[in-house]
Amino acid sequence: MIAERIVAELYTAKECSLCQEMKSMLGRVRGEYPLTIREIDIESDPLLQARFAHEVPVLYLDGRKAFKYRAKEAALRRKLMLLLWRRRLFGAVMKEAE
């Protein structure tokens, strides 16, 4: 069974060193987890810039805010594993109900 991909949305800004760190970390774990990574430059949209101007980088996993500013790679791995376990658990529950 192939797991559905986890959508990782990374809100960034140009010349943001923390953004580059988070992007590099996502690149390191990409091969171990079923990830689709979307990098979103907040400077391309005034609404995003207003919303995230003082928070970048911000990482959302499957639509939920997971980290802002900094994250440890071990913490990211734990969150990704938790997402995969939840999918397995809810998938098993759904099959039993059918």
N, C-alpha and C. Protein backbone atom coordinates (compact mmCIF):
# COMPACT_ATOMS: atom_id res chain seq x y z
N MET A 1 0.85 -1.19 0.00
CA MET A 1 0.00 0.00 0.00
C MET A 1 0.89 1.25 0.00
N ILE A 2 0.66 2.12 -0.94
CA ILE A 2 1.42 3.37 -1.01
C ILE A 2 0.64 4.45 -0.28
N ALA A 3 1.32 5.11 0.65
CA ALA A 3 0.65 6.15 1.44
C ALA A 3 0.39 7.38 0.56
N GLU A 4 -0.74 8.01 0.81
CA GLU A 4 -1.04 9.27 0.15
C GLU A 4 0.01 10.28 0.59
N ARG A 5 0.41 11.14 -0.31
CA ARG A 5 1.48 12.10 -0.03
C ARG A 5 1.05 13.14 1.00
N ILE A 6 1.98 13.49 1.87
CA ILE A 6 1.78 14.57 2.84
C ILE A 6 2.13 15.87 2.13
N VAL A 7 1.24 16.84 2.20
CA VAL A 7 1.50 18.13 1.57
C VAL A 7 2.18 19.04 2.59
N ALA A 8 3.39 19.44 2.25
CA ALA A 8 4.16 20.36 3.09
C ALA A 8 4.21 21.70 2.37
N GLU A 9 3.56 22.71 2.97
CA GLU A 9 3.57 24.06 2.39
C GLU A 9 4.49 24.92 3.24
N LEU A 10 5.53 25.43 2.61
CA LEU A 10 6.52 26.25 3.30
C LEU A 10 6.39 27.69 2.82
N TYR A 11 5.95 28.56 3.72
CA TYR A 11 5.83 29.99 3.43
C TYR A 11 7.16 30.65 3.72
N THR A 12 7.72 31.31 2.71
CA THR A 12 9.07 31.87 2.81
C THR A 12 9.11 33.31 2.30
N ALA A 13 10.26 33.92 2.51
CA ALA A 13 10.55 35.24 1.96
C ALA A 13 11.98 35.22 1.43
N LYS A 14 12.24 36.07 0.46
CA LYS A 14 13.59 36.17 -0.08
C LYS A 14 14.57 36.63 1.01
N GLU A 15 15.78 36.17 0.86
CA GLU A 15 16.86 36.57 1.78
C GLU A 15 16.53 36.25 3.24
N CYS A 16 15.88 35.15 3.47
CA CYS A 16 15.52 34.70 4.81
C CYS A 16 16.35 33.46 5.12
N SER A 17 17.32 33.59 6.00
CA SER A 17 18.20 32.46 6.30
C SER A 17 17.45 31.33 7.01
N LEU A 18 16.50 31.68 7.86
CA LEU A 18 15.72 30.63 8.52
C LEU A 18 14.89 29.85 7.51
N CYS A 19 14.41 30.54 6.47
CA CYS A 19 13.65 29.88 5.41
C CYS A 19 14.53 28.86 4.69
N GLN A 20 15.76 29.24 4.42
CA GLN A 20 16.69 28.33 3.75
C GLN A 20 16.99 27.11 4.61
N GLU A 21 17.12 27.31 5.92
CA GLU A 21 17.35 26.19 6.84
C GLU A 21 16.18 25.21 6.80
N MET A 22 14.96 25.74 6.87
CA MET A 22 13.78 24.88 6.87
C MET A 22 13.66 24.15 5.53
N LYS A 23 13.94 24.85 4.44
CA LYS A 23 13.88 24.25 3.11
C LYS A 23 14.90 23.11 2.99
N SER A 24 16.09 23.32 3.50
CA SER A 24 17.13 22.28 3.47
C SER A 24 16.72 21.07 4.29
N MET A 25 16.12 21.32 5.44
CA MET A 25 15.67 20.23 6.29
C MET A 25 14.60 19.40 5.58
N LEU A 26 13.66 20.05 4.92
CA LEU A 26 12.64 19.34 4.16
C LEU A 26 13.27 18.50 3.05
N GLY A 27 14.29 19.05 2.43
CA GLY A 27 15.00 18.31 1.39
C GLY A 27 15.66 17.06 1.93
N ARG A 28 16.18 17.11 3.13
CA ARG A 28 16.83 15.95 3.73
C ARG A 28 15.85 14.83 4.06
N VAL A 29 14.64 15.17 4.47
CA VAL A 29 13.67 14.12 4.85
C VAL A 29 12.77 13.69 3.69
N ARG A 30 12.84 14.41 2.61
CA ARG A 30 11.95 14.16 1.46
C ARG A 30 12.01 12.72 0.97
N GLY A 31 13.17 12.12 0.95
CA GLY A 31 13.30 10.76 0.45
C GLY A 31 12.78 9.69 1.39
N GLU A 32 12.56 10.04 2.64
CA GLU A 32 12.13 9.05 3.64
C GLU A 32 10.62 9.06 3.88
N TYR A 33 9.95 10.10 3.47
CA TYR A 33 8.52 10.24 3.71
C TYR A 33 7.84 10.62 2.40
N PRO A 34 6.57 10.25 2.24
CA PRO A 34 5.84 10.60 1.01
C PRO A 34 5.42 12.08 1.04
N LEU A 35 6.35 12.95 0.66
CA LEU A 35 6.12 14.40 0.76
C LEU A 35 5.93 15.06 -0.60
N THR A 36 4.99 15.97 -0.66
CA THR A 36 4.89 16.93 -1.75
C THR A 36 5.18 18.28 -1.12
N ILE A 37 6.27 18.92 -1.55
CA ILE A 37 6.70 20.17 -0.94
C ILE A 37 6.34 21.32 -1.86
N ARG A 38 5.62 22.30 -1.30
CA ARG A 38 5.27 23.52 -2.03
C ARG A 38 5.88 24.70 -1.30
N GLU A 39 6.73 25.41 -1.99
CA GLU A 39 7.32 26.62 -1.41
C GLU A 39 6.52 27.82 -1.91
N ILE A 40 6.07 28.63 -0.98
CA ILE A 40 5.23 29.78 -1.31
C ILE A 40 5.94 31.04 -0.85
N ASP A 41 6.27 31.89 -1.81
CA ASP A 41 6.94 33.16 -1.51
C ASP A 41 5.88 34.18 -1.10
N ILE A 42 5.91 34.60 0.15
CA ILE A 42 4.88 35.52 0.64
C ILE A 42 4.96 36.89 -0.04
N GLU A 43 6.14 37.21 -0.58
CA GLU A 43 6.31 38.51 -1.23
C GLU A 43 5.58 38.60 -2.56
N SER A 44 5.07 37.46 -3.05
CA SER A 44 4.35 37.46 -4.33
C SER A 44 2.88 37.83 -4.17
N ASP A 45 2.41 37.94 -2.93
CA ASP A 45 1.00 38.22 -2.68
C ASP A 45 0.87 39.14 -1.46
N PRO A 46 0.28 40.32 -1.63
CA PRO A 46 0.15 41.26 -0.51
C PRO A 46 -0.61 40.69 0.69
N LEU A 47 -1.61 39.84 0.44
CA LEU A 47 -2.35 39.24 1.56
C LEU A 47 -1.47 38.28 2.35
N LEU A 48 -0.68 37.47 1.64
CA LEU A 48 0.24 36.56 2.33
C LEU A 48 1.31 37.34 3.08
N GLN A 49 1.77 38.40 2.46
CA GLN A 49 2.81 39.22 3.10
C GLN A 49 2.26 39.83 4.40
N ALA A 50 1.04 40.29 4.37
CA ALA A 50 0.43 40.87 5.58
C ALA A 50 0.23 39.80 6.65
N ARG A 51 -0.15 38.61 6.22
CA ARG A 51 -0.43 37.53 7.17
C ARG A 51 0.83 36.95 7.80
N PHE A 52 1.89 36.77 7.00
CA PHE A 52 3.07 36.05 7.46
C PHE A 52 4.33 36.90 7.59
N ALA A 53 4.24 38.20 7.42
CA ALA A 53 5.43 39.05 7.37
C ALA A 53 6.37 38.85 8.56
N HIS A 54 5.83 38.62 9.73
CA HIS A 54 6.68 38.49 10.93
C HIS A 54 6.78 37.06 11.43
N GLU A 55 6.40 36.10 10.59
CA GLU A 55 6.40 34.71 11.03
C GLU A 55 7.25 33.77 10.19
N VAL A 56 7.74 34.18 9.05
CA VAL A 56 8.43 33.23 8.16
C VAL A 56 9.73 32.73 8.76
N PRO A 57 10.07 31.51 8.46
CA PRO A 57 9.30 30.55 7.69
C PRO A 57 8.17 29.95 8.50
N VAL A 58 7.12 29.56 7.80
CA VAL A 58 6.01 28.85 8.42
C VAL A 58 5.79 27.58 7.60
N LEU A 59 5.72 26.46 8.29
CA LEU A 59 5.51 25.18 7.61
C LEU A 59 4.16 24.59 8.02
N TYR A 60 3.35 24.32 7.02
CA TYR A 60 2.07 23.64 7.22
C TYR A 60 2.22 22.21 6.71
N LEU A 61 1.71 21.26 7.45
CA LEU A 61 1.67 19.88 7.02
C LEU A 61 0.21 19.47 6.89
N ASP A 62 -0.19 19.10 5.70
CA ASP A 62 -1.58 18.76 5.41
C ASP A 62 -2.55 19.82 5.89
N GLY A 63 -2.20 21.08 5.67
CA GLY A 63 -3.10 22.19 5.97
C GLY A 63 -3.09 22.68 7.40
N ARG A 64 -2.27 22.09 8.27
CA ARG A 64 -2.20 22.52 9.67
C ARG A 64 -0.82 23.08 9.97
N LYS A 65 -0.81 24.20 10.67
CA LYS A 65 0.47 24.81 11.02
C LYS A 65 1.26 23.86 11.91
N ALA A 66 2.48 23.55 11.47
CA ALA A 66 3.33 22.62 12.20
C ALA A 66 4.49 23.33 12.89
N PHE A 67 5.12 24.29 12.19
CA PHE A 67 6.28 24.99 12.72
C PHE A 67 6.32 26.41 12.18
N LYS A 68 6.91 27.30 12.97
CA LYS A 68 7.28 28.61 12.44
C LYS A 68 8.64 28.97 13.01
N TYR A 69 9.35 29.77 12.27
CA TYR A 69 10.72 30.21 12.57
C TYR A 69 11.72 29.07 12.44
N ARG A 70 11.75 28.17 13.40
CA ARG A 70 12.74 27.08 13.41
C ARG A 70 12.08 25.77 13.77
N ALA A 71 12.73 24.71 13.33
CA ALA A 71 12.29 23.37 13.72
C ALA A 71 13.51 22.47 13.77
N LYS A 72 13.50 21.55 14.68
CA LYS A 72 14.56 20.54 14.72
C LYS A 72 14.13 19.40 13.81
N GLU A 73 15.10 18.82 13.16
CA GLU A 73 14.79 17.75 12.22
C GLU A 73 14.09 16.58 12.92
N ALA A 74 14.49 16.27 14.13
CA ALA A 74 13.84 15.18 14.88
C ALA A 74 12.37 15.50 15.13
N ALA A 75 12.05 16.76 15.42
CA ALA A 75 10.65 17.15 15.65
C ALA A 75 9.84 17.03 14.36
N LEU A 76 10.43 17.41 13.24
CA LEU A 76 9.75 17.27 11.95
C LEU A 76 9.48 15.80 11.66
N ARG A 77 10.46 14.95 11.88
CA ARG A 77 10.29 13.53 11.64
C ARG A 77 9.17 12.95 12.52
N ARG A 78 9.11 13.38 13.78
CA ARG A 78 8.05 12.91 14.68
C ARG A 78 6.67 13.31 14.16
N LYS A 79 6.55 14.56 13.70
CA LYS A 79 5.25 15.02 13.17
C LYS A 79 4.87 14.24 11.92
N LEU A 80 5.83 13.99 11.06
CA LEU A 80 5.53 13.24 9.84
C LEU A 80 5.11 11.80 10.17
N MET A 81 5.81 11.17 11.11
CA MET A 81 5.44 9.82 11.52
C MET A 81 4.04 9.81 12.14
N LEU A 82 3.73 10.81 12.95
CA LEU A 82 2.41 10.90 13.57
C LEU A 82 1.32 11.03 12.50
N LEU A 83 1.56 11.85 11.49
CA LEU A 83 0.59 11.98 10.40
C LEU A 83 0.37 10.65 9.70
N LEU A 84 1.44 9.92 9.44
CA LEU A 84 1.31 8.63 8.77
C LEU A 84 0.58 7.62 9.65
N TRP A 85 0.86 7.62 10.95
CA TRP A 85 0.17 6.70 11.87
C TRP A 85 -1.31 7.03 11.96
N ARG A 86 -1.63 8.31 12.00
CA ARG A 86 -3.05 8.71 12.03
C ARG A 86 -3.78 8.23 10.79
N ARG A 87 -3.13 8.35 9.65
CA ARG A 87 -3.75 7.89 8.41
C ARG A 87 -4.00 6.39 8.46
N ARG A 88 -3.02 5.65 8.95
CA ARG A 88 -3.18 4.20 9.05
C ARG A 88 -4.31 3.85 10.02
N LEU A 89 -4.33 4.53 11.15
CA LEU A 89 -5.36 4.26 12.15
C LEU A 89 -6.74 4.57 11.62
N PHE A 90 -6.92 5.76 11.06
CA PHE A 90 -8.23 6.12 10.56
C PHE A 90 -8.61 5.30 9.34
N GLY A 91 -7.63 4.92 8.54
CA GLY A 91 -7.90 4.05 7.40
C GLY A 91 -8.42 2.70 7.85
N ALA A 92 -7.81 2.15 8.93
CA ALA A 92 -8.23 0.85 9.47
C ALA A 92 -9.63 0.96 10.06
N VAL A 93 -9.91 2.04 10.74
CA VAL A 93 -11.24 2.25 11.34
C VAL A 93 -12.28 2.36 10.25
N MET A 94 -11.97 3.08 9.18
CA MET A 94 -12.90 3.26 8.08
C MET A 94 -13.21 1.91 7.42
N LYS A 95 -12.21 1.06 7.23
CA LYS A 95 -12.42 -0.24 6.58
C LYS A 95 -13.29 -1.14 7.45
N GLU A 96 -13.09 -1.09 8.77
CA GLU A 96 -13.90 -1.90 9.69
C GLU A 96 -15.36 -1.46 9.66
N ALA A 97 -15.62 -0.20 9.48
CA ALA A 97 -16.99 0.32 9.49
C ALA A 97 -17.75 -0.10 8.24
N GLU A 98 -17.04 -0.37 7.15
CA GLU A 98 -17.70 -0.71 5.88
C GLU A 98 -18.33 -2.05 5.88
